[in-house]
């Protein structure tokens, strides 16, 4: 199988090769050992540079005309028109396309792939209706555009196989002819830490370290972290909050921490790549706290499980399904409940041990290798042995 994977990501190039901005690039490139050829398709930033996640040299990249945000419809439309020839040529040397959406470019790529007789599968990682309304609460045109795209995507899903993340999306796309439900994990089997008998503070300095990982966006509810930290400090003990992630609410979070008098107990680390220090932060922490308003099936939970770290998380979206009993769940928006749950995990060693053991068992069945393997197997099912539309092959050099 020669596979092209599209999602609305930005890629960059420099003298050392290509790289991607999002951690999911690690999952996509993990498909490479299971296919004959892998090509990633997405926006190419015209400014040379390096992003967080390098793309292996044997993985191809088709760079589409750049636009900075989906909230800029004119630039998106311009990119789409100029992308058609790139998408058409990308189909020359692949027989299967996996389109993660719903996005306008993904729909266009799908139409071209159908015209060329290529095999098509769709992918869905989150509930776009909830995502758009939470992230852009006052922008109705974005809500309406997202609704139209999702309607078209679900219509396509009645014809083509679909890979979805979590049980909620599995129910939504249940009328697909073939459906695969996965959990996106970026943790390799050899990165899983064996559970050990631990005190509340593995660091040995008496300070309890609470880690959180995620974008500082509205739907992630980062301001609640400051309130939870203030609640922990107010009840006694020595606490430190480590925040890994960046986004538009960083400044507001800093201001909220200062207003509550806990700035000195918080570290805002910015974005930390999973393969460049993030796993070490998981392993040196005592509790993982996840406080989103909305979620699909968060991969950060599996990262915490792999580090033998007990988890406290809001019971939203696919969180309960991802945890499957391996996390202490709390209501969304409840800072007091978050602080109480964190303290309970620290004080109750039996609870902590049960959560860690359950999390380790959970992540062992959802490693990066296991999830990538089942996606590749699903995409290759009933794969014809050779391309039928040979007349479309081109001798032109790759983009």
Protein backbone atom coordinates (compact mmCIF):
# COMPACT_ATOMS: atom_id res chain seq x y z
CA UNK A 1 0.00 0.00 0.00
CA UNK A 2 1.23 3.45 -0.99
CA UNK A 3 -0.45 5.88 1.36
CA UNK A 4 -1.00 9.65 1.39
CA UNK A 5 -2.24 11.21 4.64
CA UNK A 6 -3.83 14.66 4.68
CA UNK A 7 -4.65 16.78 7.70
CA UNK A 8 -4.73 20.54 8.16
CA UNK A 9 -1.25 20.91 9.61
CA UNK A 10 1.59 23.26 8.84
CA UNK A 11 4.96 21.85 7.82
CA UNK A 12 8.33 23.50 7.36
CA UNK A 13 11.56 22.74 5.53
CA UNK A 14 15.17 23.63 6.16
CA UNK A 15 18.58 22.26 5.20
CA UNK A 16 18.05 19.22 7.42
CA UNK A 17 14.70 18.21 5.94
CA UNK A 18 11.00 18.57 6.69
CA UNK A 19 9.23 18.82 10.04
CA UNK A 20 5.75 19.30 11.46
CA UNK A 21 4.31 21.49 14.19
CA UNK A 22 1.96 19.04 15.93
CA UNK A 23 2.64 15.91 17.94
CA UNK A 24 0.21 13.92 15.76
CA UNK A 25 2.94 14.00 13.10
CA UNK A 26 4.63 11.37 15.25
CA UNK A 27 1.57 9.13 14.90
CA UNK A 28 1.32 9.63 11.13
CA UNK A 29 4.98 8.84 10.54
CA UNK A 30 4.60 5.72 12.72
CA UNK A 31 2.59 4.28 9.82
CA UNK A 32 5.74 4.19 7.68
CA UNK A 33 6.96 0.69 8.70
CA UNK A 34 3.57 -0.78 7.74
CA UNK A 35 3.26 0.65 4.20
CA UNK A 36 5.31 0.59 1.01
CA UNK A 37 5.35 4.36 0.76
CA UNK A 38 4.08 7.14 3.02
CA UNK A 39 3.42 10.73 1.92
CA UNK A 40 2.17 13.51 4.18
CA UNK A 41 0.10 16.31 2.67
CA UNK A 42 -0.47 19.69 4.30
CA UNK A 43 0.32 23.41 4.32
CA UNK A 44 3.95 24.36 3.77
CA UNK A 45 5.13 27.47 5.61
CA UNK A 46 7.17 29.47 3.06
CA UNK A 47 9.55 30.65 5.79
CA UNK A 48 12.42 28.16 6.10
CA UNK A 49 12.82 26.78 9.57
CA UNK A 50 12.39 23.85 11.88
CA UNK A 51 9.28 22.66 13.70
CA UNK A 52 9.09 20.34 16.67
CA UNK A 53 8.66 16.98 14.95
CA UNK A 54 11.10 15.90 12.21
CA UNK A 55 9.76 13.85 9.32
CA UNK A 56 11.94 10.84 8.44
CA UNK A 57 13.84 11.18 5.19
CA UNK A 58 12.00 8.25 3.57
CA UNK A 59 8.58 9.84 4.22
CA UNK A 60 7.41 12.15 1.42
CA UNK A 61 5.87 15.59 1.90
CA UNK A 62 3.56 17.41 -0.50
CA UNK A 63 3.44 21.04 0.59
CA UNK A 64 0.26 22.97 -0.21
CA UNK A 65 0.02 26.77 -0.58
CA UNK A 66 0.10 28.33 2.86
CA UNK A 67 -2.57 30.07 4.92
CA UNK A 68 -2.10 30.89 8.57
CA UNK A 69 -5.59 30.14 9.90
CA UNK A 70 -8.93 28.62 8.91
CA UNK A 71 -10.53 31.84 10.23
CA UNK A 72 -9.21 33.65 7.11
CA UNK A 73 -11.67 32.48 4.43
CA UNK A 74 -10.21 34.48 1.55
CA UNK A 75 -6.72 33.06 2.09
CA UNK A 76 -8.13 29.55 2.57
CA UNK A 77 -10.04 29.85 -0.71
CA UNK A 78 -6.94 31.12 -2.51
CA UNK A 79 -4.91 28.24 -1.12
CA UNK A 80 -7.57 25.75 -2.19
CA UNK A 81 -7.57 26.94 -5.79
CA UNK A 82 -3.78 26.78 -5.97
CA UNK A 83 -3.70 23.41 -4.18
CA UNK A 84 -5.63 21.47 -6.80
CA UNK A 85 -2.63 20.83 -9.04
CA UNK A 86 -0.51 19.79 -6.03
CA UNK A 87 -3.19 17.38 -4.82
CA UNK A 88 -3.64 15.97 -8.32
CA UNK A 89 0.07 15.28 -8.68
CA UNK A 90 0.25 13.82 -5.17
CA UNK A 91 -2.03 11.03 -6.40
CA UNK A 92 0.45 9.92 -9.09
CA UNK A 93 2.35 7.52 -6.85
CA UNK A 94 -0.15 6.51 -4.17
CA UNK A 95 -3.05 4.06 -4.23
CA UNK A 96 -4.71 5.01 -0.92
CA UNK A 97 -5.51 8.33 0.77
CA UNK A 98 -6.41 8.82 4.43
CA UNK A 99 -8.14 12.16 4.85
CA UNK A 100 -8.48 13.62 8.34
CA UNK A 101 -11.17 16.25 8.53
CA UNK A 102 -13.61 17.76 7.97
CA UNK A 103 -11.72 20.43 6.05
CA UNK A 104 -12.30 22.02 2.63
CA UNK A 105 -8.94 20.80 1.34
CA UNK A 106 -9.70 17.27 2.56
CA UNK A 107 -13.01 17.26 0.67
CA UNK A 108 -11.25 18.45 -2.49
CA UNK A 109 -8.50 15.85 -2.14
CA UNK A 110 -11.18 13.19 -1.70
CA UNK A 111 -12.99 14.27 -4.86
CA UNK A 112 -9.74 14.14 -6.86
CA UNK A 113 -8.84 10.76 -5.39
CA UNK A 114 -12.25 9.36 -6.37
CA UNK A 115 -11.79 10.73 -9.90
CA UNK A 116 -8.39 9.05 -10.09
CA UNK A 117 -9.74 5.73 -8.83
CA UNK A 118 -7.73 5.76 -5.62
CA UNK A 119 -8.83 4.09 -2.43
CA UNK A 120 -10.26 6.54 0.15
CA UNK A 121 -10.62 6.41 3.92
CA UNK A 122 -11.68 9.22 6.23
CA UNK A 123 -10.48 10.18 9.70
CA UNK A 124 -12.15 12.12 12.51
CA UNK A 125 -10.33 13.16 15.69
CA UNK A 126 -12.81 15.46 17.44
CA UNK A 127 -16.40 16.67 17.59
CA UNK A 128 -16.10 19.73 15.38
CA UNK A 129 -19.45 21.22 16.44
CA UNK A 130 -18.38 21.34 20.08
CA UNK A 131 -14.85 22.44 19.14
CA UNK A 132 -15.92 25.43 17.04
CA UNK A 133 -18.53 26.61 19.51
CA UNK A 134 -16.16 26.38 22.45
CA UNK A 135 -13.15 27.92 20.74
CA UNK A 136 -15.05 30.63 18.83
CA UNK A 137 -18.15 31.28 20.94
CA UNK A 138 -19.17 34.53 19.28
CA UNK A 139 -18.38 33.79 15.63
CA UNK A 140 -21.52 32.28 14.14
CA UNK A 141 -20.13 32.17 10.62
CA UNK A 142 -17.46 29.77 11.83
CA UNK A 143 -20.11 27.61 13.50
CA UNK A 144 -22.19 27.53 10.31
CA UNK A 145 -19.21 26.76 8.10
CA UNK A 146 -18.13 23.97 10.44
CA UNK A 147 -21.64 22.52 10.45
CA UNK A 148 -21.73 22.41 6.64
CA UNK A 149 -18.33 20.74 6.47
CA UNK A 150 -19.35 18.15 9.05
CA UNK A 151 -22.59 17.44 7.18
CA UNK A 152 -20.62 16.78 3.99
CA UNK A 153 -18.06 14.70 5.88
CA UNK A 154 -20.74 12.53 7.46
CA UNK A 155 -22.35 12.07 4.06
CA UNK A 156 -19.03 10.81 2.69
CA UNK A 157 -18.67 8.55 5.71
CA UNK A 158 -21.75 6.64 4.60
CA UNK A 159 -19.75 5.53 1.57
CA UNK A 160 -16.14 5.32 2.72
CA UNK A 161 -14.38 3.63 5.67
CA UNK A 162 -13.72 5.86 8.68
CA UNK A 163 -11.13 5.88 11.46
CA UNK A 164 -12.41 7.70 14.55
CA UNK A 165 -10.90 8.58 17.91
CA UNK A 166 -13.02 7.47 20.85
CA UNK A 167 -16.50 5.98 21.36
CA UNK A 168 -18.40 9.26 21.00
CA UNK A 169 -17.26 9.70 17.41
CA UNK A 170 -17.75 5.97 16.80
CA UNK A 171 -21.44 6.41 17.62
CA UNK A 172 -21.70 9.53 15.46
CA UNK A 173 -20.17 7.77 12.44
CA UNK A 174 -21.72 4.39 13.10
CA UNK A 175 -23.41 4.21 9.68
CA UNK A 176 -20.07 4.01 7.85
CA UNK A 177 -19.55 0.80 5.82
CA UNK A 178 -16.40 0.11 7.88
CA UNK A 179 -15.39 1.79 11.11
CA UNK A 180 -12.24 1.65 13.23
CA UNK A 181 -12.20 3.23 16.68
CA UNK A 182 -8.73 4.07 17.95
CA UNK A 183 -7.00 5.87 20.80
CA UNK A 184 -4.22 8.14 19.59
CA UNK A 185 -1.15 7.22 21.60
CA UNK A 186 2.30 8.72 21.04
CA UNK A 187 4.03 6.49 23.59
CA UNK A 188 6.20 3.63 22.37
CA UNK A 189 6.22 0.36 24.25
CA UNK A 190 9.81 0.91 25.41
CA UNK A 191 8.87 4.29 26.97
CA UNK A 192 6.45 2.83 29.51
CA UNK A 193 7.65 3.11 33.11
CA UNK A 194 7.15 0.16 35.43
CA UNK A 195 4.98 1.11 38.43
CA UNK A 196 6.92 1.36 41.67
CA UNK A 197 6.08 2.02 45.27
CA UNK A 198 6.35 5.82 45.53
CA UNK A 199 5.89 8.42 48.19
CA UNK A 200 3.72 11.45 47.47
CA UNK A 201 6.80 13.33 46.27
CA UNK A 202 9.25 11.18 44.25
CA UNK A 203 11.61 14.13 44.13
CA UNK A 204 12.19 13.74 47.85
CA UNK A 205 12.06 17.48 48.57
CA UNK A 206 8.58 17.50 50.11
CA UNK A 207 7.11 19.51 47.25
CA UNK A 208 4.21 17.95 45.33
CA UNK A 209 4.43 18.62 41.61
CA UNK A 210 1.23 18.82 39.59
CA UNK A 211 1.69 18.60 35.82
CA UNK A 212 -0.73 19.70 33.12
CA UNK A 213 -0.19 19.50 29.35
CA UNK A 214 -2.29 21.19 26.68
CA UNK A 215 -2.83 24.32 24.64
CA UNK A 216 -3.75 27.44 26.55
CA UNK A 217 -7.00 27.87 24.65
CA UNK A 218 -10.53 28.56 25.79
CA UNK A 219 -11.71 24.96 25.38
CA UNK A 220 -8.86 23.71 27.59
CA UNK A 221 -9.98 25.99 30.48
CA UNK A 222 -6.44 26.87 31.64
CA UNK A 223 -7.52 29.69 34.00
CA UNK A 224 -9.04 27.06 36.28
CA UNK A 225 -5.52 25.77 36.91
CA UNK A 226 -4.69 28.95 38.81
CA UNK A 227 -7.77 28.58 41.01
CA UNK A 228 -6.99 24.92 41.68
CA UNK A 229 -3.42 25.79 42.66
CA UNK A 230 -4.65 28.52 44.99
CA UNK A 231 -7.00 26.02 46.60
CA UNK A 232 -4.19 23.54 47.14
CA UNK A 233 -1.89 26.17 48.67
CA UNK A 234 -4.66 27.49 50.88
CA UNK A 235 -5.25 24.04 52.38
CA UNK A 236 -1.60 23.63 53.36
CA UNK A 237 1.43 21.84 52.00
CA UNK A 238 3.98 22.71 49.36
CA UNK A 239 2.70 22.56 45.79
CA UNK A 240 4.12 23.36 42.38
CA UNK A 241 2.11 23.56 39.17
CA UNK A 242 3.99 22.84 35.93
CA UNK A 243 2.13 23.94 32.79
CA UNK A 244 3.33 22.63 29.41
CA UNK A 245 1.62 24.29 26.49
CA UNK A 246 1.17 27.63 24.82
CA UNK A 247 -1.67 29.61 23.32
CA UNK A 248 -3.67 32.83 23.40
CA UNK A 249 -4.61 32.56 27.10
CA UNK A 250 -1.04 32.43 28.41
CA UNK A 251 -1.02 36.08 29.47
CA UNK A 252 -4.41 35.76 31.17
CA UNK A 253 -3.20 32.70 33.04
CA UNK A 254 -0.13 34.58 34.23
CA UNK A 255 -2.34 37.45 35.41
CA UNK A 256 -4.70 35.06 37.20
CA UNK A 257 -1.82 33.35 38.99
CA UNK A 258 -0.51 36.75 40.10
CA UNK A 259 -3.92 37.93 41.28
CA UNK A 260 -4.28 34.82 43.44
CA UNK A 261 -0.77 35.19 44.84
CA UNK A 262 0.54 31.84 43.54
CA UNK A 263 2.82 32.92 40.68
CA UNK A 264 5.85 31.69 42.59
CA UNK A 265 4.28 28.21 42.79
CA UNK A 266 3.73 27.87 39.02
CA UNK A 267 6.03 27.23 36.05
CA UNK A 268 4.77 28.01 32.55
CA UNK A 269 7.13 26.01 30.36
CA UNK A 270 5.54 26.75 26.99
CA UNK A 271 5.33 24.01 24.39
CA UNK A 272 7.54 21.01 25.20
CA UNK A 273 7.80 18.30 22.48
CA UNK A 274 7.11 14.78 23.64
CA UNK A 275 10.48 13.58 22.37
CA UNK A 276 12.43 16.58 23.71
CA UNK A 277 11.81 16.71 27.44
CA UNK A 278 8.08 16.20 27.97
CA UNK A 279 8.33 12.55 28.97
CA UNK A 280 10.93 13.50 31.60
CA UNK A 281 8.52 16.06 33.04
CA UNK A 282 5.82 13.41 33.32
CA UNK A 283 8.22 11.10 35.13
CA UNK A 284 9.38 13.77 37.58
CA UNK A 285 5.85 14.85 38.54
CA UNK A 286 3.48 13.50 41.18
CA UNK A 287 -0.01 14.06 39.74
CA UNK A 288 -1.34 14.81 36.27
CA UNK A 289 -4.24 17.30 36.10
CA UNK A 290 -6.42 17.73 33.01
CA UNK A 291 -9.20 20.35 33.17
CA UNK A 292 -10.66 20.80 29.67
CA UNK A 293 -14.20 21.92 28.94
CA UNK A 294 -14.32 19.60 25.93
CA UNK A 295 -12.20 16.72 24.65
CA UNK A 296 -12.12 13.95 22.11
CA UNK A 297 -9.95 11.17 23.49
CA UNK A 298 -6.87 12.99 24.86
CA UNK A 299 -3.51 11.42 24.09
CA UNK A 300 -1.96 13.19 27.09
CA UNK A 301 -3.71 10.71 29.38
CA UNK A 302 -1.78 7.85 27.80
CA UNK A 303 1.43 9.82 28.18
CA UNK A 304 0.70 10.19 31.91
CA UNK A 305 -0.21 6.51 32.22
CA UNK A 306 3.09 5.56 30.57
CA UNK A 307 4.99 7.56 33.21
CA UNK A 308 3.20 5.75 36.08
CA UNK A 309 1.59 9.06 36.98
CA UNK A 310 -1.85 9.15 38.67
CA UNK A 311 -4.41 11.20 36.73
CA UNK A 312 -7.16 13.62 37.72
CA UNK A 313 -9.29 14.71 34.74
CA UNK A 314 -12.60 16.36 33.92
CA UNK A 315 -15.31 13.95 32.85
CA UNK A 316 -15.98 15.37 29.38
CA UNK A 317 -16.03 13.95 25.85
CA UNK A 318 -13.99 10.78 25.52
CA UNK A 319 -12.01 11.20 28.75
CA UNK A 320 -13.89 8.49 30.66
CA UNK A 321 -13.44 6.07 27.75
CA UNK A 322 -9.74 6.88 27.49
CA UNK A 323 -9.21 6.40 31.22
CA UNK A 324 -11.45 3.35 31.61
CA UNK A 325 -11.12 3.48 35.39
CA UNK A 326 -7.49 4.63 35.41
CA UNK A 327 -8.22 8.26 36.37
CA UNK A 328 -10.08 10.13 39.10
CA UNK A 329 -12.81 12.02 37.20
CA UNK A 330 -14.21 15.40 38.25
CA UNK A 331 -16.87 17.77 36.86
CA UNK A 332 -15.71 20.37 34.34
CA UNK A 333 -15.24 23.90 35.68
CA UNK A 334 -14.95 22.88 39.35
CA UNK A 335 -11.68 24.31 40.69
CA UNK A 336 -12.46 23.21 44.24
CA UNK A 337 -13.21 19.69 43.05
CA UNK A 338 -9.96 19.60 41.09
CA UNK A 339 -7.92 20.66 44.14
CA UNK A 340 -9.72 18.17 46.37
CA UNK A 341 -9.15 15.31 43.90
CA UNK A 342 -5.44 16.13 43.54
CA UNK A 343 -5.00 16.19 47.30
CA UNK A 344 -6.90 12.91 47.63
CA UNK A 345 -4.61 11.19 45.11
CA UNK A 346 -1.56 12.44 47.01
CA UNK A 347 -2.84 11.49 50.47
CA UNK A 348 -4.47 8.14 49.66
CA UNK A 349 -1.58 5.86 48.72
CA UNK A 350 -3.92 2.95 48.02
CA UNK A 351 -5.91 5.01 45.53
CA UNK A 352 -2.72 6.26 43.95
CA UNK A 353 -1.38 2.73 43.51
CA UNK A 354 -4.65 1.53 41.96
CA UNK A 355 -4.76 4.40 39.48
CA UNK A 356 -1.13 3.90 38.46
CA UNK A 357 -1.56 0.15 38.00
CA UNK A 358 -4.73 0.63 35.95
CA UNK A 359 -3.09 3.33 33.84
CA UNK A 360 -0.05 1.18 33.09
CA UNK A 361 -2.26 -1.70 32.00
CA UNK A 362 -4.31 0.69 29.87
CA UNK A 363 -1.36 2.19 28.00
CA UNK A 364 0.25 -1.21 27.34
CA UNK A 365 -2.70 -2.06 25.10
CA UNK A 366 -2.59 1.35 23.38
CA UNK A 367 1.02 1.99 22.43
CA UNK A 368 2.05 4.01 19.39
CA UNK A 369 3.05 0.83 17.58
CA UNK A 370 -0.19 -1.00 18.36
CA UNK A 371 -2.43 1.89 17.26
CA UNK A 372 -0.44 2.61 14.08
CA UNK A 373 -0.45 -1.08 13.15
CA UNK A 374 -4.21 -1.42 13.41
CA UNK A 375 -4.77 1.78 11.39
CA UNK A 376 -2.47 0.49 8.62
CA UNK A 377 -4.22 -2.89 8.62
CA UNK A 378 -7.62 -1.19 8.42
CA UNK A 379 -6.56 1.07 5.54
CA UNK A 380 -5.07 -1.86 3.61
CA UNK A 381 -8.13 -4.12 3.94
CA UNK A 382 -9.35 -5.28 0.53
CA UNK A 383 -6.52 -3.30 -1.03
CA UNK A 384 -6.19 -4.11 -4.77
CA UNK A 385 -2.74 -5.52 -5.60
CA UNK A 386 -1.89 -2.80 -8.11
CA UNK A 387 -3.07 0.58 -9.32
CA UNK A 388 -5.71 0.44 -12.04
CA UNK A 389 -5.38 3.99 -13.33
CA UNK A 390 -1.85 3.62 -14.69
CA UNK A 391 -2.52 6.23 -17.37
CA UNK A 392 -2.40 8.93 -14.66
CA UNK A 393 1.16 8.17 -13.62
CA UNK A 394 3.57 11.01 -14.25
CA UNK A 395 7.29 11.27 -14.85
CA UNK A 396 7.39 14.70 -13.28
CA UNK A 397 9.60 15.10 -10.20
CA UNK A 398 7.88 15.08 -6.80
CA UNK A 399 6.68 18.41 -5.37
